[in-house]
Protein backbone atom coordinates (compact mmCIF):
# COMPACT_ATOMS: atom_id res chain seq x y z
CA LEU A 1 0.00 0.00 0.00
CA ASP A 2 1.29 3.42 -0.94
CA MET A 3 0.66 5.97 1.81
CA ARG A 4 1.61 8.85 -0.51
CA HIS A 5 -1.62 8.43 -2.49
CA PRO A 6 -4.49 8.59 0.03
CA LEU A 7 -7.29 8.19 -2.52
CA ARG A 8 -5.75 5.05 -4.00
CA LEU A 9 -5.05 3.80 -0.49
CA ALA A 10 -8.69 4.27 0.54
CA LYS A 11 -9.85 2.31 -2.54
CA GLU A 12 -7.49 -0.59 -1.88
CA LEU A 13 -8.08 -1.08 1.84
CA LYS A 14 -11.54 -2.67 1.72
CA PRO A 15 -10.78 -5.26 -1.00
CA ARG A 16 -7.50 -6.19 0.70
CA LYS A 17 -9.24 -6.61 4.06
CA HIS A 18 -11.88 -8.80 2.42
CA MET A 19 -9.19 -10.94 0.77
CA LEU A 20 -7.39 -11.40 4.10
CA GLU A 21 -10.64 -12.47 5.74
CA GLU A 22 -11.27 -15.03 2.99
CA MET A 23 -7.72 -16.38 3.24
CA GLY A 24 -8.08 -16.65 7.02
CA ALA A 25 -11.30 -18.61 6.56
CA ALA A 26 -9.66 -20.91 4.00
CA TYR A 27 -6.74 -21.54 6.36
CA MET A 28 -9.12 -22.31 9.22
CA ALA A 29 -11.15 -24.69 7.02
CA ASN A 30 -7.92 -26.57 6.33
CA GLY A 31 -6.83 -26.76 9.95
CA ILE A 32 -4.35 -23.88 9.88
CA ILE A 33 -4.84 -21.56 12.83
CA THR A 34 -3.61 -17.98 12.35
CA LEU A 35 -3.57 -14.88 14.50
CA ALA A 36 -5.93 -12.24 13.08
CA GLY A 37 -6.04 -14.18 9.80
CA SER A 38 -2.61 -13.01 8.68
CA ARG A 39 0.05 -13.83 11.29
CA MET A 40 1.61 -17.27 11.54
CA TYR A 41 4.32 -18.60 13.79
CA THR A 42 6.36 -21.78 13.99
CA SER A 43 7.81 -23.48 17.02
CA MET A 44 11.18 -25.08 17.59
CA ALA A 45 9.17 -28.02 18.95
CA ASP A 46 7.60 -28.72 15.52
CA THR A 47 8.79 -31.98 14.01
CA ASP A 48 9.46 -32.59 10.34
CA ALA A 49 6.18 -34.50 10.15
CA VAL A 50 4.22 -31.54 11.59
CA ILE A 51 5.90 -29.16 9.16
CA ASP A 52 5.25 -31.46 6.19
CA GLU A 53 1.57 -31.71 7.16
CA ALA A 54 1.29 -27.92 7.47
CA LEU A 55 2.94 -27.43 4.07
CA GLY A 56 0.44 -29.84 2.56
CA ARG A 57 -2.41 -27.86 4.06
CA PHE A 58 -0.96 -24.58 2.75
CA ASP A 59 -0.60 -26.18 -0.67
CA GLY A 60 -4.27 -27.13 -0.57
CA VAL A 61 -5.33 -23.58 0.25
CA LEU A 62 -2.98 -21.82 -2.16
CA SER A 63 -3.75 -24.16 -5.05
CA SER A 64 -7.35 -22.98 -4.90
CA VAL A 65 -6.40 -19.30 -5.31
CA GLU A 66 -7.00 -18.02 -8.83
CA GLY A 67 -3.93 -16.67 -10.60
CA VAL A 68 -1.40 -18.42 -8.38
């Protein structure tokens, strides 16, 4: 987002917020829990199996996004 162009910024905020909400819902539907729909963290306690499962879930979500 470009803060130097307030009119363009105002036009872009609502669609971007909507997209983030939809992505958060898609993550949740696939068992990926995020903070506020956009923040994700990993843990040093995660095993390779847990990471591989999470990557598979992300692949499922992202493969359904048009244009990706």
